[in-house]
């Protein structure tokens, strides 16, 4: 699926008009959105990131050739922010994030065990 079609599909899935999307993106008219959806206008990376936020998806989904809508649109804001940020992380940053998340998961599991033990 082409990038413009993905943008239009996400906009419609969210029940948004071209005018509404243009306003959220800071464009003066819906003509900009029309040109983006038709493939007549390219966007810089920072605008693609903002567009992904407004359309509740990721920049990688909008830019990829994949037809699958990523699960990001169904998760809460902290996770959405983390996943969107991952598109711009270096390999080292990703390793650090994974290590942190593993430690956090271990802590949560320990807290749950403690609560379960105290409730018995």
PDB file of N, CA and C in Angstrom:
ATOM      1  N   UNK A   1       0.858  -1.179   0.000  1.00  0.00           N
ATOM      2  CA  UNK A   1       0.000   0.000   0.000  1.00  0.00           C
ATOM      3  C   UNK A   1       0.901   1.238   0.000  1.00  0.00           C
ATOM      4  N   UNK A   2       0.564   2.207  -0.791  1.00  0.00           N
ATOM      5  CA  UNK A   2       1.342   3.441  -0.881  1.00  0.00           C
ATOM      6  C   UNK A   2       1.141   4.305   0.358  1.00  0.00           C
ATOM      7  N   UNK A   3       2.143   5.132   0.642  1.00  0.00           N
ATOM      8  CA  UNK A   3       2.114   6.002   1.818  1.00  0.00           C
ATOM      9  C   UNK A   3       0.848   6.872   1.849  1.00  0.00           C
ATOM     10  N   UNK A   4       0.496   7.493   0.740  1.00  0.00           N
ATOM     11  CA  UNK A   4      -0.684   8.357   0.704  1.00  0.00           C
ATOM     12  C   UNK A   4      -1.961   7.607   1.026  1.00  0.00           C
ATOM     13  N   UNK A   5      -2.061   6.382   0.528  1.00  0.00           N
ATOM     14  CA  UNK A   5      -3.240   5.557   0.825  1.00  0.00           C
ATOM     15  C   UNK A   5      -3.301   5.179   2.298  1.00  0.00           C
ATOM     16  N   UNK A   6      -2.137   4.904   2.898  1.00  0.00           N
ATOM     17  CA  UNK A   6      -2.113   4.572   4.321  1.00  0.00           C
ATOM     18  C   UNK A   6      -2.582   5.765   5.151  1.00  0.00           C
ATOM     19  N   UNK A   7      -2.125   6.945   4.773  1.00  0.00           N
ATOM     20  CA  UNK A   7      -2.518   8.153   5.504  1.00  0.00           C
ATOM     21  C   UNK A   7      -4.022   8.356   5.403  1.00  0.00           C
ATOM     22  N   UNK A   8      -4.551   8.222   4.209  1.00  0.00           N
ATOM     23  CA  UNK A   8      -5.989   8.388   4.021  1.00  0.00           C
ATOM     24  C   UNK A   8      -6.766   7.319   4.797  1.00  0.00           C
ATOM     25  N   UNK A   9      -6.298   6.081   4.736  1.00  0.00           N
ATOM     26  CA  UNK A   9      -6.962   4.982   5.436  1.00  0.00           C
ATOM     27  C   UNK A   9      -7.001   5.229   6.939  1.00  0.00           C
ATOM     28  N   UNK A  10      -5.880   5.665   7.517  1.00  0.00           N
ATOM     29  CA  UNK A  10      -5.846   5.928   8.957  1.00  0.00           C
ATOM     30  C   UNK A  10      -6.749   7.122   9.304  1.00  0.00           C
ATOM     31  N   UNK A  11      -6.707   8.163   8.473  1.00  0.00           N
ATOM     32  CA  UNK A  11      -7.547   9.338   8.721  1.00  0.00           C
ATOM     33  C   UNK A  11      -9.013   8.942   8.748  1.00  0.00           C
ATOM     34  N   UNK A  12      -9.430   8.166   7.765  1.00  0.00           N
ATOM     35  CA  UNK A  12     -10.835   7.733   7.691  1.00  0.00           C
ATOM     36  C   UNK A  12     -11.189   6.795   8.837  1.00  0.00           C
ATOM     37  N   UNK A  13     -10.255   5.916   9.207  1.00  0.00           N
ATOM     38  CA  UNK A  13     -10.504   4.997  10.323  1.00  0.00           C
ATOM     39  C   UNK A  13     -10.744   5.758  11.622  1.00  0.00           C
ATOM     40  N   UNK A  14     -10.133   6.926  11.737  1.00  0.00           N
ATOM     41  CA  UNK A  14     -10.311   7.756  12.928  1.00  0.00           C
ATOM     42  C   UNK A  14     -11.490   8.716  12.789  1.00  0.00           C
ATOM     43  N   UNK A  15     -12.188   8.635  11.640  1.00  0.00           N
ATOM     44  CA  UNK A  15     -13.348   9.487  11.420  1.00  0.00           C
ATOM     45  C   UNK A  15     -12.987  10.953  11.248  1.00  0.00           C
ATOM     46  N   UNK A  16     -11.818  11.202  10.687  1.00  0.00           N
ATOM     47  CA  UNK A  16     -11.305  12.560  10.561  1.00  0.00           C
ATOM     48  C   UNK A  16     -11.431  13.049   9.115  1.00  0.00           C
ATOM     49  N   UNK A  17     -11.798  14.305   8.950  1.00  0.00           N
ATOM     50  CA  UNK A  17     -11.841  14.903   7.611  1.00  0.00           C
ATOM     51  C   UNK A  17     -10.458  15.432   7.247  1.00  0.00           C
ATOM     52  N   UNK A  18     -10.284  15.747   5.963  1.00  0.00           N
ATOM     53  CA  UNK A  18      -9.024  16.365   5.544  1.00  0.00           C
ATOM     54  C   UNK A  18      -8.826  17.703   6.252  1.00  0.00           C
ATOM     55  N   UNK A  19      -9.905  18.439   6.439  1.00  0.00           N
ATOM     56  CA  UNK A  19      -9.813  19.723   7.132  1.00  0.00           C
ATOM     57  C   UNK A  19      -9.323  19.550   8.566  1.00  0.00           C
ATOM     58  N   UNK A  20      -9.879  18.546   9.265  1.00  0.00           N
ATOM     59  CA  UNK A  20      -9.487  18.301  10.655  1.00  0.00           C
ATOM     60  C   UNK A  20      -8.016  17.891  10.739  1.00  0.00           C
ATOM     61  N   UNK A  21      -7.592  17.011   9.837  1.00  0.00           N
ATOM     62  CA  UNK A  21      -6.199  16.581   9.847  1.00  0.00           C
ATOM     63  C   UNK A  21      -5.276  17.755   9.521  1.00  0.00           C
ATOM     64  N   UNK A  22      -5.666  18.574   8.562  1.00  0.00           N
ATOM     65  CA  UNK A  22      -4.851  19.744   8.206  1.00  0.00           C
ATOM     66  C   UNK A  22      -4.679  20.664   9.416  1.00  0.00           C
ATOM     67  N   UNK A  23      -5.757  20.886  10.137  1.00  0.00           N
ATOM     68  CA  UNK A  23      -5.699  21.758  11.315  1.00  0.00           C
ATOM     69  C   UNK A  23      -4.769  21.175  12.374  1.00  0.00           C
ATOM     70  N   UNK A  24      -4.887  19.880  12.640  1.00  0.00           N
ATOM     71  CA  UNK A  24      -4.038  19.235  13.650  1.00  0.00           C
ATOM     72  C   UNK A  24      -2.566  19.236  13.242  1.00  0.00           C
ATOM     73  N   UNK A  25      -2.327  19.248  11.938  1.00  0.00           N
ATOM     74  CA  UNK A  25      -0.955  19.257  11.431  1.00  0.00           C
ATOM     75  C   UNK A  25      -0.401  20.673  11.288  1.00  0.00           C
ATOM     76  N   UNK A  26      -1.254  21.686  11.438  1.00  0.00           N
ATOM     77  CA  UNK A  26      -0.803  23.060  11.310  1.00  0.00           C
ATOM     78  C   UNK A  26      -0.792  23.584   9.887  1.00  0.00           C
ATOM     79  N   UNK A  27      -1.488  22.897   8.982  1.00  0.00           N
ATOM     80  CA  UNK A  27      -1.606  23.372   7.603  1.00  0.00           C
ATOM     81  C   UNK A  27      -2.784  24.331   7.510  1.00  0.00           C
ATOM     82  N   UNK A  28      -2.708  25.259   6.582  1.00  0.00           N
ATOM     83  CA  UNK A  28      -3.757  26.268   6.446  1.00  0.00           C
ATOM     84  C   UNK A  28      -5.023  25.727   5.792  1.00  0.00           C
ATOM     85  N   UNK A  29      -4.867  24.787   4.858  1.00  0.00           N
ATOM     86  CA  UNK A  29      -6.037  24.268   4.147  1.00  0.00           C
ATOM     87  C   UNK A  29      -5.954  22.754   3.990  1.00  0.00           C
ATOM     88  N   UNK A  30      -7.074  22.160   3.605  1.00  0.00           N
ATOM     89  CA  UNK A  30      -7.116  20.720   3.371  1.00  0.00           C
ATOM     90  C   UNK A  30      -6.358  20.335   2.102  1.00  0.00           C
ATOM     91  N   UNK A  31      -6.024  21.314   1.267  1.00  0.00           N
ATOM     92  CA  UNK A  31      -5.312  21.019   0.013  1.00  0.00           C
ATOM     93  C   UNK A  31      -3.981  20.331   0.275  1.00  0.00           C
ATOM     94  N   UNK A  32      -3.316  20.699   1.366  1.00  0.00           N
ATOM     95  CA  UNK A  32      -2.041  20.049   1.710  1.00  0.00           C
ATOM     96  C   UNK A  32      -2.252  18.563   1.975  1.00  0.00           C
ATOM     97  N   UNK A  33      -3.300  18.228   2.711  1.00  0.00           N
ATOM     98  CA  UNK A  33      -3.592  16.822   3.018  1.00  0.00           C
ATOM     99  C   UNK A  33      -3.963  16.085   1.738  1.00  0.00           C
ATOM    100  N   UNK A  34      -4.742  16.731   0.886  1.00  0.00           N
ATOM    101  CA  UNK A  34      -5.122  16.121  -0.385  1.00  0.00           C
ATOM    102  C   UNK A  34      -3.886  15.782  -1.216  1.00  0.00           C
ATOM    103  N   UNK A  35      -2.916  16.705  -1.262  1.00  0.00           N
ATOM    104  CA  UNK A  35      -1.691  16.456  -2.027  1.00  0.00           C
ATOM    105  C   UNK A  35      -0.838  15.353  -1.389  1.00  0.00           C
ATOM    106  N   UNK A  36      -0.809  15.299  -0.069  1.00  0.00           N
ATOM    107  CA  UNK A  36      -0.058  14.241   0.622  1.00  0.00           C
ATOM    108  C   UNK A  36      -0.691  12.884   0.325  1.00  0.00           C
ATOM    109  N   UNK A  37      -2.021  12.806   0.449  1.00  0.00           N
ATOM    110  CA  UNK A  37      -2.724  11.538   0.210  1.00  0.00           C
ATOM    111  C   UNK A  37      -2.620  11.081  -1.245  1.00  0.00           C
ATOM    112  N   UNK A  38      -2.532  12.025  -2.169  1.00  0.00           N
ATOM    113  CA  UNK A  38      -2.428  11.650  -3.584  1.00  0.00           C
ATOM    114  C   UNK A  38      -0.986  11.360  -4.003  1.00  0.00           C
ATOM    115  N   UNK A  39      -0.038  11.599  -3.083  1.00  0.00           N
ATOM    116  CA  UNK A  39       1.366  11.341  -3.388  1.00  0.00           C
ATOM    117  C   UNK A  39       2.059  12.484  -4.094  1.00  0.00           C
ATOM    118  N   UNK A  40       1.403  13.633  -4.191  1.00  0.00           N
ATOM    119  CA  UNK A  40       1.975  14.794  -4.875  1.00  0.00           C
ATOM    120  C   UNK A  40       2.857  15.649  -3.970  1.00  0.00           C
ATOM    121  N   UNK A  41       2.874  15.361  -2.681  1.00  0.00           N
ATOM    122  CA  UNK A  41       3.670  16.153  -1.744  1.00  0.00           C
ATOM    123  C   UNK A  41       4.401  15.225  -0.795  1.00  0.00           C
ATOM    124  N   UNK A  42       5.704  15.446  -0.635  1.00  0.00           N
ATOM    125  CA  UNK A  42       6.504  14.698   0.332  1.00  0.00           C
ATOM    126  C   UNK A  42       6.635  15.506   1.609  1.00  0.00           C
ATOM    127  N   UNK A  43       6.869  14.803   2.699  1.00  0.00           N
ATOM    128  CA  UNK A  43       6.997  15.457   4.002  1.00  0.00           C
ATOM    129  C   UNK A  43       8.380  15.206   4.589  1.00  0.00           C
ATOM    130  N   UNK A  44       8.930  16.187   5.318  1.00  0.00           N
ATOM    131  CA  UNK A  44      10.179  15.943   6.044  1.00  0.00           C
ATOM    132  C   UNK A  44       9.917  15.013   7.224  1.00  0.00           C
ATOM    133  N   UNK A  45      10.979  14.435   7.764  1.00  0.00           N
ATOM    134  CA  UNK A  45      10.855  13.441   8.838  1.00  0.00           C
ATOM    135  C   UNK A  45      10.067  13.958  10.037  1.00  0.00           C
ATOM    136  N   UNK A  46      10.291  15.209  10.442  1.00  0.00           N
ATOM    137  CA  UNK A  46       9.576  15.711  11.622  1.00  0.00           C
ATOM    138  C   UNK A  46       8.071  15.821  11.375  1.00  0.00           C
ATOM    139  N   UNK A  47       7.664  16.083  10.139  1.00  0.00           N
ATOM    140  CA  UNK A  47       6.231  16.128   9.822  1.00  0.00           C
ATOM    141  C   UNK A  47       5.634  14.723   9.765  1.00  0.00           C
ATOM    142  N   UNK A  48       6.425  13.751   9.290  1.00  0.00           N
ATOM    143  CA  UNK A  48       5.953  12.362   9.267  1.00  0.00           C
ATOM    144  C   UNK A  48       5.749  11.867  10.692  1.00  0.00           C
ATOM    145  N   UNK A  49       6.666  12.225  11.573  1.00  0.00           N
ATOM    146  CA  UNK A  49       6.527  11.836  12.981  1.00  0.00           C
ATOM    147  C   UNK A  49       5.252  12.436  13.570  1.00  0.00           C
ATOM    148  N   UNK A  50       5.010  13.705  13.320  1.00  0.00           N
ATOM    149  CA  UNK A  50       3.810  14.370  13.830  1.00  0.00           C
ATOM    150  C   UNK A  50       2.543  13.762  13.222  1.00  0.00           C
ATOM    151  N   UNK A  51       2.594  13.478  11.920  1.00  0.00           N
ATOM    152  CA  UNK A  51       1.457  12.863  11.239  1.00  0.00           C
ATOM    153  C   UNK A  51       1.135  11.507  11.866  1.00  0.00           C
ATOM    154  N   UNK A  52       2.168  10.720  12.163  1.00  0.00           N
ATOM    155  CA  UNK A  52       1.961   9.421  12.798  1.00  0.00           C
ATOM    156  C   UNK A  52       1.300   9.582  14.167  1.00  0.00           C
ATOM    157  N   UNK A  53       1.726  10.587  14.927  1.00  0.00           N
ATOM    158  CA  UNK A  53       1.112  10.832  16.236  1.00  0.00           C
ATOM    159  C   UNK A  53      -0.372  11.165  16.082  1.00  0.00           C
ATOM    160  N   UNK A  54      -0.676  12.059  15.168  1.00  0.00           N
ATOM    161  CA  UNK A  54      -2.069  12.484  14.954  1.00  0.00           C
ATOM    162  C   UNK A  54      -2.915  11.313  14.471  1.00  0.00           C
ATOM    163  N   UNK A  55      -2.330  10.448  13.639  1.00  0.00           N
ATOM    164  CA  UNK A  55      -3.068   9.308  13.084  1.00  0.00           C
ATOM    165  C   UNK A  55      -2.975   8.054  13.962  1.00  0.00           C
ATOM    166  N   UNK A  56      -2.376   8.203  15.149  1.00  0.00           N
ATOM    167  CA  UNK A  56      -2.282   7.116  16.128  1.00  0.00           C
ATOM    168  C   UNK A  56      -1.647   5.862  15.544  1.00  0.00           C
ATOM    169  N   UNK A  57      -0.501   6.052  14.915  1.00  0.00           N
ATOM    170  CA  UNK A  57       0.274   4.934  14.382  1.00  0.00           C
ATOM    171  C   UNK A  57       1.746   5.300  14.503  1.00  0.00           C
ATOM    172  N   UNK A  58       2.611   4.634  13.781  1.00  0.00           N
ATOM    173  CA  UNK A  58       4.045   4.918  13.845  1.00  0.00           C
ATOM    174  C   UNK A  58       4.549   5.446  12.520  1.00  0.00           C
ATOM    175  N   UNK A  59       5.646   6.203  12.560  1.00  0.00           N
ATOM    176  CA  UNK A  59       6.258   6.638  11.300  1.00  0.00           C
ATOM    177  C   UNK A  59       6.648   5.450  10.422  1.00  0.00           C
ATOM    178  N   UNK A  60       7.133   4.378  11.044  1.00  0.00           N
ATOM    179  CA  UNK A  60       7.551   3.221  10.251  1.00  0.00           C
ATOM    180  C   UNK A  60       6.382   2.592   9.510  1.00  0.00           C
ATOM    181  N   UNK A  61       5.193   2.580  10.118  1.00  0.00           N
ATOM    182  CA  UNK A  61       4.026   2.053   9.406  1.00  0.00           C
ATOM    183  C   UNK A  61       3.704   2.930   8.202  1.00  0.00           C
ATOM    184  N   UNK A  62       3.690   4.240   8.402  1.00  0.00           N
ATOM    185  CA  UNK A  62       3.354   5.141   7.307  1.00  0.00           C
ATOM    186  C   UNK A  62       4.366   5.052   6.162  1.00  0.00           C
ATOM    187  N   UNK A  63       5.623   4.803   6.495  1.00  0.00           N
ATOM    188  CA  UNK A  63       6.674   4.795   5.474  1.00  0.00           C
ATOM    189  C   UNK A  63       6.924   3.416   4.874  1.00  0.00           C
ATOM    190  N   UNK A  64       6.432   2.364   5.517  1.00  0.00           N
ATOM    191  CA  UNK A  64       6.710   1.006   5.042  1.00  0.00           C
ATOM    192  C   UNK A  64       5.762   0.599   3.922  1.00  0.00           C
ATOM    193  N   UNK A  65       6.084  -0.511   3.319  1.00  0.00           N
ATOM    194  CA  UNK A  65       5.215  -1.071   2.284  1.00  0.00           C
ATOM    195  C   UNK A  65       4.258  -2.108   2.875  1.00  0.00           C
ATOM    196  N   UNK A  66       4.339  -2.296   4.178  1.00  0.00           N
ATOM    197  CA  UNK A  66       3.480  -3.258   4.862  1.00  0.00           C
ATOM    198  C   UNK A  66       2.029  -2.805   4.820  1.00  0.00           C
ATOM    199  N   UNK A  67       1.116  -3.752   4.659  1.00  0.00           N
ATOM    200  CA  UNK A  67      -0.303  -3.426   4.670  1.00  0.00           C
ATOM    201  C   UNK A  67      -0.932  -3.583   6.050  1.00  0.00           C
ATOM    202  N   UNK A  68      -0.220  -4.192   6.998  1.00  0.00           N
ATOM    203  CA  UNK A  68      -0.790  -4.426   8.318  1.00  0.00           C
ATOM    204  C   UNK A  68      -0.754  -3.185   9.180  1.00  0.00           C
ATOM    205  N   UNK A  69      -1.850  -2.854   9.824  1.00  0.00           N
ATOM    206  CA  UNK A  69      -1.877  -1.733  10.754  1.00  0.00           C
ATOM    207  C   UNK A  69      -1.247  -2.211  12.049  1.00  0.00           C
ATOM    208  N   UNK A  70      -0.265  -1.457  12.514  1.00  0.00           N
ATOM    209  CA  UNK A  70       0.449  -1.865  13.718  1.00  0.00           C
ATOM    210  C   UNK A  70      -0.420  -1.715  14.954  1.00  0.00           C
ATOM    211  N   UNK A  71      -0.131  -2.529  15.952  1.00  0.00           N
ATOM    212  CA  UNK A  71      -0.911  -2.528  17.185  1.00  0.00           C
ATOM    213  C   UNK A  71      -0.779  -1.227  17.961  1.00  0.00           C
ATOM    214  N   UNK A  72       0.173  -0.390  17.604  1.00  0.00           N
ATOM    215  CA  UNK A  72       0.395   0.857  18.323  1.00  0.00           C
ATOM    216  C   UNK A  72      -0.881   1.679  18.482  1.00  0.00           C
ATOM    217  N   UNK A  73      -1.759   1.618  17.534  1.00  0.00           N
ATOM    218  CA  UNK A  73      -2.953   2.448  17.618  1.00  0.00           C
ATOM    219  C   UNK A  73      -3.893   2.011  18.737  1.00  0.00           C
ATOM    220  N   UNK A  74      -3.654   0.864  19.328  1.00  0.00           N
ATOM    221  CA  UNK A  74      -4.552   0.364  20.360  1.00  0.00           C
ATOM    222  C   UNK A  74      -3.962   0.415  21.757  1.00  0.00           C
ATOM    223  N   UNK A  75      -2.742   0.918  21.916  1.00  0.00           N
ATOM    224  CA  UNK A  75      -2.101   0.910  23.221  1.00  0.00           C
ATOM    225  C   UNK A  75      -2.187   2.273  23.881  1.00  0.00           C
ATOM    226  N   UNK A  76      -1.886   2.306  25.180  1.00  0.00           N
ATOM    227  CA  UNK A  76      -1.934   3.554  25.932  1.00  0.00           C
ATOM    228  C   UNK A  76      -0.794   4.493  25.583  1.00  0.00           C
ATOM    229  N   UNK A  77      -0.917   5.725  26.000  1.00  0.00           N
ATOM    230  CA  UNK A  77       0.039   6.766  25.632  1.00  0.00           C
ATOM    231  C   UNK A  77       1.491   6.462  25.990  1.00  0.00           C
ATOM    232  N   UNK A  78       1.845   5.974  27.208  1.00  0.00           N
ATOM    233  CA  UNK A  78       3.255   5.712  27.491  1.00  0.00           C
ATOM    234  C   UNK A  78       3.873   4.697  26.530  1.00  0.00           C
ATOM    235  N   UNK A  79       3.148   3.638  26.238  1.00  0.00           N
ATOM    236  CA  UNK A  79       3.674   2.647  25.312  1.00  0.00           C
ATOM    237  C   UNK A  79       3.752   3.203  23.901  1.00  0.00           C
ATOM    238  N   UNK A  80       2.746   3.960  23.503  1.00  0.00           N
ATOM    239  CA  UNK A  80       2.737   4.581  22.180  1.00  0.00           C
ATOM    240  C   UNK A  80       3.954   5.489  22.018  1.00  0.00           C
ATOM    241  N   UNK A  81       4.236   6.270  23.026  1.00  0.00           N
ATOM    242  CA  UNK A  81       5.391   7.166  22.983  1.00  0.00           C
ATOM    243  C   UNK A  81       6.684   6.376  22.860  1.00  0.00           C
ATOM    244  N   UNK A  82       6.811   5.309  23.636  1.00  0.00           N
ATOM    245  CA  UNK A  82       8.030   4.495  23.580  1.00  0.00           C
ATOM    246  C   UNK A  82       8.214   3.853  22.215  1.00  0.00           C
ATOM    247  N   UNK A  83       7.150   3.321  21.660  1.00  0.00           N
ATOM    248  CA  UNK A  83       7.260   2.660  20.358  1.00  0.00           C
ATOM    249  C   UNK A  83       7.562   3.673  19.264  1.00  0.00           C
ATOM    250  N   UNK A  84       6.918   4.821  19.296  1.00  0.00           N
ATOM    251  CA  UNK A  84       7.218   5.853  18.305  1.00  0.00           C
ATOM    252  C   UNK A  84       8.669   6.302  18.412  1.00  0.00           C
ATOM    253  N   UNK A  85       9.174   6.401  19.628  1.00  0.00           N
ATOM    254  CA  UNK A  85      10.559   6.821  19.834  1.00  0.00           C
ATOM    255  C   UNK A  85      11.538   5.770  19.330  1.00  0.00           C
ATOM    256  N   UNK A  86      11.171   4.508  19.397  1.00  0.00           N
ATOM    257  CA  UNK A  86      12.071   3.433  18.972  1.00  0.00           C
ATOM    258  C   UNK A  86      12.473   3.574  17.507  1.00  0.00           C
ATOM    259  N   UNK A  87      11.634   4.182  16.694  1.00  0.00           N
ATOM    260  CA  UNK A  87      11.964   4.371  15.281  1.00  0.00           C
ATOM    261  C   UNK A  87      13.186   5.262  15.089  1.00  0.00           C
ATOM    262  N   UNK A  88      13.532   6.032  16.104  1.00  0.00           N
ATOM    263  CA  UNK A  88      14.633   6.980  15.981  1.00  0.00           C
ATOM    264  C   UNK A  88      15.808   6.627  16.894  1.00  0.00           C
ATOM    265  N   UNK A  89      15.793   5.431  17.504  1.00  0.00           N
ATOM    266  CA  UNK A  89      16.851   5.007  18.417  1.00  0.00           C
ATOM    267  C   UNK A  89      17.977   4.301  17.687  1.00  0.00           C
ATOM    268  N   UNK A  90      19.171   4.466  18.247  1.00  0.00           N
ATOM    269  CA  UNK A  90      20.320   3.720  17.743  1.00  0.00           C
ATOM    270  C   UNK A  90      20.241   2.293  18.305  1.00  0.00           C
ATOM    271  N   UNK A  91      21.065   1.414  17.781  1.00  0.00           N
ATOM    272  CA  UNK A  91      21.098   0.034  18.279  1.00  0.00           C
ATOM    273  C   UNK A  91      21.460   0.015  19.760  1.00  0.00           C
ATOM    274  N   UNK A  92      22.401   0.858  20.163  1.00  0.00           N
ATOM    275  CA  UNK A  92      22.797   0.927  21.570  1.00  0.00           C
ATOM    276  C   UNK A  92      21.643   1.404  22.443  1.00  0.00           C
ATOM    277  N   UNK A  93      20.908   2.416  21.983  1.00  0.00           N
ATOM    278  CA  UNK A  93      19.749   2.910  22.737  1.00  0.00           C
ATOM    279  C   UNK A  93      18.703   1.808  22.918  1.00  0.00           C
ATOM    280  N   UNK A  94      18.501   1.025  21.880  1.00  0.00           N
ATOM    281  CA  UNK A  94      17.532  -0.076  21.959  1.00  0.00           C
ATOM    282  C   UNK A  94      17.989  -1.115  22.976  1.00  0.00           C
ATOM    283  N   UNK A  95      19.287  -1.444  22.986  1.00  0.00           N
ATOM    284  CA  UNK A  95      19.824  -2.385  23.974  1.00  0.00           C
ATOM    285  C   UNK A  95      19.603  -1.876  25.395  1.00  0.00           C
ATOM    286  N   UNK A  96      19.832  -0.589  25.608  1.00  0.00           N
ATOM    287  CA  UNK A  96      19.626   0.012  26.937  1.00  0.00           C
ATOM    288  C   UNK A  96      18.150  -0.058  27.321  1.00  0.00           C
ATOM    289  N   UNK A  97      17.270   0.251  26.377  1.00  0.00           N
ATOM    290  CA  UNK A  97      15.825   0.211  26.646  1.00  0.00           C
ATOM    291  C   UNK A  97      15.375  -1.205  26.980  1.00  0.00           C
ATOM    292  N   UNK A  98      15.864  -2.185  26.247  1.00  0.00           N
ATOM    293  CA  UNK A  98      15.503  -3.587  26.510  1.00  0.00           C
ATOM    294  C   UNK A  98      15.958  -3.998  27.901  1.00  0.00           C
ATOM    295  N   UNK A  99      17.188  -3.645  28.250  1.00  0.00           N
ATOM    296  CA  UNK A  99      17.701  -3.989  29.584  1.00  0.00           C
ATOM    297  C   UNK A  99      16.847  -3.337  30.672  1.00  0.00           C
ATOM    298  N   UNK A 100      16.481  -2.085  30.472  1.00  0.00           N
ATOM    299  CA  UNK A 100      15.638  -1.400  31.445  1.00  0.00           C
ATOM    300  C   UNK A 100      14.286  -2.096  31.579  1.00  0.00           C
ATOM    301  N   UNK A 101      13.675  -2.416  30.452  1.00  0.00           N
ATOM    302  CA  UNK A 101      12.358  -3.055  30.485  1.00  0.00           C
ATOM    303  C   UNK A 101      12.415  -4.430  31.141  1.00  0.00           C
ATOM    304  N   UNK A 102      13.498  -5.149  30.925  1.00  0.00           N
ATOM    305  CA  UNK A 102      13.646  -6.452  31.586  1.00  0.00           C
ATOM    306  C   UNK A 102      13.745  -6.276  33.097  1.00  0.00           C
ATOM    307  N   UNK A 103      14.528  -5.275  33.549  1.00  0.00           N
ATOM    308  CA  UNK A 103      14.623  -5.005  34.991  1.00  0.00           C
ATOM    309  C   UNK A 103      13.271  -4.582  35.549  1.00  0.00           C
ATOM    310  N   UNK A 104      12.554  -3.735  34.811  1.00  0.00           N
ATOM    311  CA  UNK A 104      11.240  -3.258  35.258  1.00  0.00           C
ATOM    312  C   UNK A 104      10.248  -4.413  35.378  1.00  0.00           C
ATOM    313  N   UNK A 105      10.276  -5.316  34.402  1.00  0.00           N
ATOM    314  CA  UNK A 105       9.382  -6.472  34.432  1.00  0.00           C
ATOM    315  C   UNK A 105       9.685  -7.341  35.652  1.00  0.00           C
ATOM    316  N   UNK A 106      10.955  -7.569  35.929  1.00  0.00           N
ATOM    317  CA  UNK A 106      11.355  -8.364  37.089  1.00  0.00           C
ATOM    318  C   UNK A 106      10.851  -7.715  38.377  1.00  0.00           C
ATOM    319  N   UNK A 107      11.000  -6.393  38.487  1.00  0.00           N
ATOM    320  CA  UNK A 107      10.519  -5.676  39.667  1.00  0.00           C
ATOM    321  C   UNK A 107       9.011  -5.809  39.831  1.00  0.00           C
ATOM    322  N   UNK A 108       8.278  -5.680  38.731  1.00  0.00           N
ATOM    323  CA  UNK A 108       6.815  -5.815  38.796  1.00  0.00           C
ATOM    324  C   UNK A 108       6.401  -7.222  39.217  1.00  0.00           C
ATOM    325  N   UNK A 109       7.103  -8.230  38.704  1.00  0.00           N
ATOM    326  CA  UNK A 109       6.808  -9.611  39.088  1.00  0.00           C
ATOM    327  C   UNK A 109       7.076  -9.832  40.573  1.00  0.00           C
ATOM    328  N   UNK A 110       8.173  -9.252  41.081  1.00  0.00           N
ATOM    329  CA  UNK A 110       8.489  -9.374  42.507  1.00  0.00           C
ATOM    330  C   UNK A 110       7.442  -8.674  43.372  1.00  0.00           C
ATOM    331  N   UNK A 111       6.993  -7.505  42.936  1.00  0.00           N
ATOM    332  CA  UNK A 111       5.954  -6.780  43.671  1.00  0.00           C
ATOM    333  C   UNK A 111       4.656  -7.574  43.699  1.00  0.00           C
ATOM    334  N   UNK A 112       4.314  -8.201  42.582  1.00  0.00           N
ATOM    335  CA  UNK A 112       3.092  -9.004  42.516  1.00  0.00           C
ATOM    336  C   UNK A 112       3.183 -10.198  43.457  1.00  0.00           C
ATOM    337  N   UNK A 113       4.324 -10.878  43.466  1.00  0.00           N
ATOM    338  CA  UNK A 113       4.516 -12.010  44.369  1.00  0.00           C
ATOM    339  C   UNK A 113       4.380 -11.572  45.816  1.00  0.00           C
ATOM    340  N   UNK A 114       4.948 -10.418  46.135  1.00  0.00           N
ATOM    341  CA  UNK A 114       4.876  -9.888  47.490  1.00  0.00           C
ATOM    342  C   UNK A 114       3.432  -9.580  47.880  1.00  0.00           C
ATOM    343  N   UNK A 115       2.683  -8.959  46.983  1.00  0.00           N
ATOM    344  CA  UNK A 115       1.268  -8.661  47.249  1.00  0.00           C
ATOM    345  C   UNK A 115       0.471  -9.945  47.432  1.00  0.00           C
ATOM    346  N   UNK A 116       0.712 -10.913  46.548  1.00  0.00           N
ATOM    347  CA  UNK A 116       0.001 -12.184  46.644  1.00  0.00           C
ATOM    348  C   UNK A 116       0.313 -12.886  47.960  1.00  0.00           C
ATOM    349  N   UNK A 117       1.564 -12.853  48.378  1.00  0.00           N
ATOM    350  CA  UNK A 117       1.989 -13.486  49.630  1.00  0.00           C
ATOM    351  C   UNK A 117       1.342 -12.803  50.825  1.00  0.00           C
ATOM    352  N   UNK A 118       1.275 -11.466  50.782  1.00  0.00           N
ATOM    353  CA  UNK A 118       0.681 -10.703  51.887  1.00  0.00           C
ATOM    354  C   UNK A 118      -0.826 -10.825  51.958  1.00  0.00           C
ATOM    355  N   UNK A 119      -1.470 -11.117  50.833  1.00  0.00           N
ATOM    356  CA  UNK A 119      -2.924 -11.232  50.827  1.00  0.00           C
ATOM    357  C   UNK A 119      -3.388 -12.604  51.295  1.00  0.00           C
ATOM    358  N   UNK A 120      -2.493 -13.556  51.383  1.00  0.00           N
ATOM    359  CA  UNK A 120      -2.872 -14.916  51.850  1.00  0.00           C
ATOM    360  C   UNK A 120      -2.772 -15.037  53.304  1.00  0.00           C
TER     361      UNK A 120
END
